[in-house]
Amino acid sequence: MVPLALPTDAVLNVASIIQLAVAPVFLLTGVGTMINVLTSRLARIIDRARVLQQHCEVAAGGSPLRRQLYAELTLLSRRSRLMSWAITLCTSCALLVSLSIVVLFLEALLRAYFRGVVPVLFILAMSAFIGGLLSFLREIQLATAGLRIGPPPEEAG
């Protein structure tokens, strides 16, 4: 039985493709970690909204407490939409990076050059990631805008 041997240039070609794909794979790891953070944050927002919704159902019709609860629910709704956008954009980034890796391999395997497809995919991926980070930043700003840390203010009296 004759051992199956690949031509040396084919082995080197595959090795160089894998080297090219390593950087985007590291990027995918970072984006995946970011998506994990975003989904955890969204889950906390949803959990808080459910608790507030239950309190709203118990609170009296036009009471100040009920108005305060609805105001917080409105803020949580806005924050959840921002987190949803951030997750969508970061997931789009991951898909575009993955697609650029596939195109790199196809170019090498087919010995074809898909004119400028990889740079365009990468620019789109980074644009989506930037958008996701901006949505995340805005959500954090909203979350901390009304945050008071420390003892409650003294009542005037």
C-alpha atoms as a PDB file:
ATOM      1  CA  MET A   1       0.000   0.000   0.000  1.00  0.00           C
ATOM      2  CA  VAL A   2       1.424   3.375  -1.057  1.00  0.00           C
ATOM      3  CA  PRO A   3       1.085   6.143   1.557  1.00  0.00           C
ATOM      4  CA  LEU A   4      -1.023   9.088   0.512  1.00  0.00           C
ATOM      5  CA  ALA A   5       1.162  12.183   0.252  1.00  0.00           C
ATOM      6  CA  LEU A   6       0.049  15.702  -0.365  1.00  0.00           C
ATOM      7  CA  PRO A   7       2.167  17.904  -2.587  1.00  0.00           C
ATOM      8  CA  THR A   8       4.428  20.151  -0.536  1.00  0.00           C
ATOM      9  CA  ASP A   9       2.977  23.346  -1.993  1.00  0.00           C
ATOM     10  CA  ALA A  10      -0.560  22.242  -1.032  1.00  0.00           C
ATOM     11  CA  VAL A  11       0.524  21.665   2.584  1.00  0.00           C
ATOM     12  CA  LEU A  12       2.230  25.050   2.687  1.00  0.00           C
ATOM     13  CA  ASN A  13      -0.825  26.676   1.130  1.00  0.00           C
ATOM     14  CA  VAL A  14      -3.155  25.211   3.772  1.00  0.00           C
ATOM     15  CA  ALA A  15      -0.701  26.217   6.522  1.00  0.00           C
ATOM     16  CA  SER A  16      -0.631  29.810   5.294  1.00  0.00           C
ATOM     17  CA  ILE A  17      -4.438  29.892   5.107  1.00  0.00           C
ATOM     18  CA  ILE A  18      -4.668  28.681   8.696  1.00  0.00           C
ATOM     19  CA  GLN A  19      -2.180  31.363   9.747  1.00  0.00           C
ATOM     20  CA  LEU A  20      -4.333  33.998   8.048  1.00  0.00           C
ATOM     21  CA  ALA A  21      -7.452  32.660   9.760  1.00  0.00           C
ATOM     22  CA  VAL A  22      -5.946  32.675  13.276  1.00  0.00           C
ATOM     23  CA  ALA A  23      -6.328  36.432  13.861  1.00  0.00           C
ATOM     24  CA  PRO A  24     -10.036  36.448  12.937  1.00  0.00           C
ATOM     25  CA  VAL A  25     -10.558  33.408  15.176  1.00  0.00           C
ATOM     26  CA  PHE A  26      -9.112  35.328  18.128  1.00  0.00           C
ATOM     27  CA  LEU A  27     -11.445  38.173  17.225  1.00  0.00           C
ATOM     28  CA  LEU A  28     -14.361  35.719  17.250  1.00  0.00           C
ATOM     29  CA  THR A  29     -13.391  34.677  20.769  1.00  0.00           C
ATOM     30  CA  GLY A  30     -13.499  38.284  21.932  1.00  0.00           C
ATOM     31  CA  VAL A  31     -16.801  38.972  20.211  1.00  0.00           C
ATOM     32  CA  GLY A  32     -18.262  35.775  21.675  1.00  0.00           C
ATOM     33  CA  THR A  33     -17.217  36.883  25.153  1.00  0.00           C
ATOM     34  CA  MET A  34     -18.829  40.263  24.530  1.00  0.00           C
ATOM     35  CA  ILE A  35     -22.080  38.603  23.414  1.00  0.00           C
ATOM     36  CA  ASN A  36     -22.029  36.576  26.641  1.00  0.00           C
ATOM     37  CA  VAL A  37     -21.726  39.787  28.690  1.00  0.00           C
ATOM     38  CA  LEU A  38     -24.523  41.431  26.717  1.00  0.00           C
ATOM     39  CA  THR A  39     -26.922  38.515  27.056  1.00  0.00           C
ATOM     40  CA  SER A  40     -26.253  38.301  30.803  1.00  0.00           C
ATOM     41  CA  ARG A  41     -26.995  41.987  31.147  1.00  0.00           C
ATOM     42  CA  LEU A  42     -30.186  41.653  29.111  1.00  0.00           C
ATOM     43  CA  ALA A  43     -31.299  38.752  31.324  1.00  0.00           C
ATOM     44  CA  ARG A  44     -30.850  40.925  34.421  1.00  0.00           C
ATOM     45  CA  ILE A  45     -32.880  43.720  32.847  1.00  0.00           C
ATOM     46  CA  ILE A  46     -35.671  41.287  31.989  1.00  0.00           C
ATOM     47  CA  ASP A  47     -35.649  39.798  35.497  1.00  0.00           C
ATOM     48  CA  ARG A  48     -35.890  43.281  37.039  1.00  0.00           C
ATOM     49  CA  ALA A  49     -38.727  44.233  34.695  1.00  0.00           C
ATOM     50  CA  ARG A  50     -40.707  41.119  35.677  1.00  0.00           C
ATOM     51  CA  VAL A  51     -40.389  41.979  39.370  1.00  0.00           C
ATOM     52  CA  LEU A  52     -41.474  45.564  38.757  1.00  0.00           C
ATOM     53  CA  GLN A  53     -44.389  44.399  36.618  1.00  0.00           C
ATOM     54  CA  GLN A  54     -45.636  42.270  39.523  1.00  0.00           C
ATOM     55  CA  HIS A  55     -45.328  45.230  41.895  1.00  0.00           C
ATOM     56  CA  CYS A  56     -47.287  47.409  39.437  1.00  0.00           C
ATOM     57  CA  GLU A  57     -50.142  44.941  39.454  1.00  0.00           C
ATOM     58  CA  VAL A  58     -50.331  45.183  43.257  1.00  0.00           C
ATOM     59  CA  ALA A  59     -49.916  48.976  43.529  1.00  0.00           C
ATOM     60  CA  ALA A  60     -53.030  51.162  43.667  1.00  0.00           C
ATOM     61  CA  GLY A  61     -54.346  52.764  40.453  1.00  0.00           C
ATOM     62  CA  GLY A  62     -52.855  56.268  40.304  1.00  0.00           C
ATOM     63  CA  SER A  63     -50.550  56.068  43.281  1.00  0.00           C
ATOM     64  CA  PRO A  64     -47.117  57.730  43.225  1.00  0.00           C
ATOM     65  CA  LEU A  65     -45.558  54.287  43.735  1.00  0.00           C
ATOM     66  CA  ARG A  66     -47.267  52.935  40.623  1.00  0.00           C
ATOM     67  CA  ARG A  67     -46.148  55.954  38.561  1.00  0.00           C
ATOM     68  CA  GLN A  68     -42.580  55.467  39.822  1.00  0.00           C
ATOM     69  CA  LEU A  69     -42.688  51.766  38.934  1.00  0.00           C
ATOM     70  CA  TYR A  70     -43.962  52.533  35.423  1.00  0.00           C
ATOM     71  CA  ALA A  71     -41.230  55.142  34.953  1.00  0.00           C
ATOM     72  CA  GLU A  72     -38.614  52.539  35.860  1.00  0.00           C
ATOM     73  CA  LEU A  73     -40.284  49.985  33.570  1.00  0.00           C
ATOM     74  CA  THR A  74     -40.121  52.512  30.721  1.00  0.00           C
ATOM     75  CA  LEU A  75     -36.400  52.977  31.358  1.00  0.00           C
ATOM     76  CA  LEU A  76     -35.868  49.204  31.488  1.00  0.00           C
ATOM     77  CA  SER A  77     -37.710  48.837  28.190  1.00  0.00           C
ATOM     78  CA  ARG A  78     -35.409  51.376  26.576  1.00  0.00           C
ATOM     79  CA  ARG A  79     -32.350  49.673  28.051  1.00  0.00           C
ATOM     80  CA  SER A  80     -33.501  46.249  26.823  1.00  0.00           C
ATOM     81  CA  ARG A  81     -33.910  47.600  23.287  1.00  0.00           C
ATOM     82  CA  LEU A  82     -30.349  48.954  23.386  1.00  0.00           C
ATOM     83  CA  MET A  83     -29.066  45.605  24.631  1.00  0.00           C
ATOM     84  CA  SER A  84     -30.993  43.837  21.893  1.00  0.00           C
ATOM     85  CA  TRP A  85     -29.365  46.096  19.302  1.00  0.00           C
ATOM     86  CA  ALA A  86     -25.941  45.496  20.854  1.00  0.00           C
ATOM     87  CA  ILE A  87     -26.449  41.716  20.727  1.00  0.00           C
ATOM     88  CA  THR A  88     -27.720  41.876  17.149  1.00  0.00           C
ATOM     89  CA  LEU A  89     -24.779  44.003  15.992  1.00  0.00           C
ATOM     90  CA  CYS A  90     -22.156  41.902  17.799  1.00  0.00           C
ATOM     91  CA  THR A  91     -23.705  38.710  16.410  1.00  0.00           C
ATOM     92  CA  SER A  92     -23.614  40.273  12.938  1.00  0.00           C
ATOM     93  CA  CYS A  93     -19.938  41.026  13.535  1.00  0.00           C
ATOM     94  CA  ALA A  94     -19.271  37.384  14.411  1.00  0.00           C
ATOM     95  CA  LEU A  95     -21.116  36.204  11.309  1.00  0.00           C
ATOM     96  CA  LEU A  96     -19.201  38.600   9.054  1.00  0.00           C
ATOM     97  CA  VAL A  97     -15.837  37.569  10.550  1.00  0.00           C
ATOM     98  CA  SER A  98     -16.785  33.904  10.073  1.00  0.00           C
ATOM     99  CA  LEU A  99     -17.770  34.622   6.497  1.00  0.00           C
ATOM    100  CA  SER A 100     -14.440  36.348   5.864  1.00  0.00           C
ATOM    101  CA  ILE A 101     -12.629  33.224   7.127  1.00  0.00           C
ATOM    102  CA  VAL A 102     -14.693  31.073   4.752  1.00  0.00           C
ATOM    103  CA  VAL A 103     -13.874  33.394   1.850  1.00  0.00           C
ATOM    104  CA  LEU A 104     -10.155  33.229   2.714  1.00  0.00           C
ATOM    105  CA  PHE A 105     -10.278  29.433   2.564  1.00  0.00           C
ATOM    106  CA  LEU A 106     -12.310  29.432  -0.656  1.00  0.00           C
ATOM    107  CA  GLU A 107      -9.841  31.799  -2.284  1.00  0.00           C
ATOM    108  CA  ALA A 108      -6.970  29.485  -1.398  1.00  0.00           C
ATOM    109  CA  LEU A 109      -8.715  26.233  -2.233  1.00  0.00           C
ATOM    110  CA  LEU A 110     -10.178  27.443  -5.514  1.00  0.00           C
ATOM    111  CA  ARG A 111      -7.072  29.472  -6.326  1.00  0.00           C
ATOM    112  CA  ALA A 112      -9.344  32.376  -7.037  1.00  0.00           C
ATOM    113  CA  TYR A 113      -9.376  35.942  -5.825  1.00  0.00           C
ATOM    114  CA  PHE A 114     -12.736  37.412  -4.897  1.00  0.00           C
ATOM    115  CA  ARG A 115     -11.723  41.005  -5.438  1.00  0.00           C
ATOM    116  CA  GLY A 116     -11.767  42.866  -2.160  1.00  0.00           C
ATOM    117  CA  VAL A 117     -14.471  40.729  -0.539  1.00  0.00           C
ATOM    118  CA  VAL A 118     -12.470  39.969   2.614  1.00  0.00           C
ATOM    119  CA  PRO A 119     -11.564  43.610   3.383  1.00  0.00           C
ATOM    120  CA  VAL A 120     -15.174  44.686   2.840  1.00  0.00           C
ATOM    121  CA  LEU A 121     -16.459  41.894   5.097  1.00  0.00           C
ATOM    122  CA  PHE A 122     -13.916  42.847   7.750  1.00  0.00           C
ATOM    123  CA  ILE A 123     -14.827  46.553   7.584  1.00  0.00           C
ATOM    124  CA  LEU A 124     -18.513  45.640   7.901  1.00  0.00           C
ATOM    125  CA  ALA A 125     -17.711  43.361  10.838  1.00  0.00           C
ATOM    126  CA  MET A 126     -15.786  46.081  12.653  1.00  0.00           C
ATOM    127  CA  SER A 127     -18.547  48.602  11.926  1.00  0.00           C
ATOM    128  CA  ALA A 128     -21.117  46.223  13.427  1.00  0.00           C
ATOM    129  CA  PHE A 129     -18.893  45.666  16.471  1.00  0.00           C
ATOM    130  CA  ILE A 130     -18.457  49.408  16.958  1.00  0.00           C
ATOM    131  CA  GLY A 131     -22.234  49.834  16.735  1.00  0.00           C
ATOM    132  CA  GLY A 132     -22.720  47.095  19.314  1.00  0.00           C
ATOM    133  CA  LEU A 133     -20.225  48.727  21.665  1.00  0.00           C
ATOM    134  CA  LEU A 134     -21.927  52.108  21.254  1.00  0.00           C
ATOM    135  CA  SER A 135     -25.316  50.563  22.082  1.00  0.00           C
ATOM    136  CA  PHE A 136     -23.770  48.912  25.132  1.00  0.00           C
ATOM    137  CA  LEU A 137     -22.193  52.204  26.204  1.00  0.00           C
ATOM    138  CA  ARG A 138     -25.520  54.041  25.878  1.00  0.00           C
ATOM    139  CA  GLU A 139     -27.295  51.346  27.912  1.00  0.00           C
ATOM    140  CA  ILE A 140     -24.720  51.694  30.684  1.00  0.00           C
ATOM    141  CA  GLN A 141     -25.177  55.472  30.666  1.00  0.00           C
ATOM    142  CA  LEU A 142     -28.941  55.037  31.052  1.00  0.00           C
ATOM    143  CA  ALA A 143     -28.472  52.472  33.816  1.00  0.00           C
ATOM    144  CA  THR A 144     -26.198  54.714  35.847  1.00  0.00           C
ATOM    145  CA  ALA A 145     -27.894  58.066  35.153  1.00  0.00           C
ATOM    146  CA  GLY A 146     -30.354  57.817  38.030  1.00  0.00           C
ATOM    147  CA  LEU A 147     -28.197  55.726  40.321  1.00  0.00           C
ATOM    148  CA  ARG A 148     -27.702  57.123  43.813  1.00  0.00           C
ATOM    149  CA  ILE A 149     -25.093  55.494  45.999  1.00  0.00           C
ATOM    150  CA  GLY A 150     -25.008  56.336  49.665  1.00  0.00           C
ATOM    151  CA  PRO A 151     -27.517  57.272  52.320  1.00  0.00           C
ATOM    152  CA  PRO A 152     -30.861  58.739  51.239  1.00  0.00           C
ATOM    153  CA  PRO A 153     -31.031  62.536  51.161  1.00  0.00           C
ATOM    154  CA  GLU A 154     -32.242  64.202  54.355  1.00  0.00           C
ATOM    155  CA  GLU A 155     -35.891  65.151  54.276  1.00  0.00           C
ATOM    156  CA  ALA A 156     -36.521  68.845  54.595  1.00  0.00           C
ATOM    157  CA  GLY A 157     -38.693  69.566  57.480  1.00  0.00           C
END
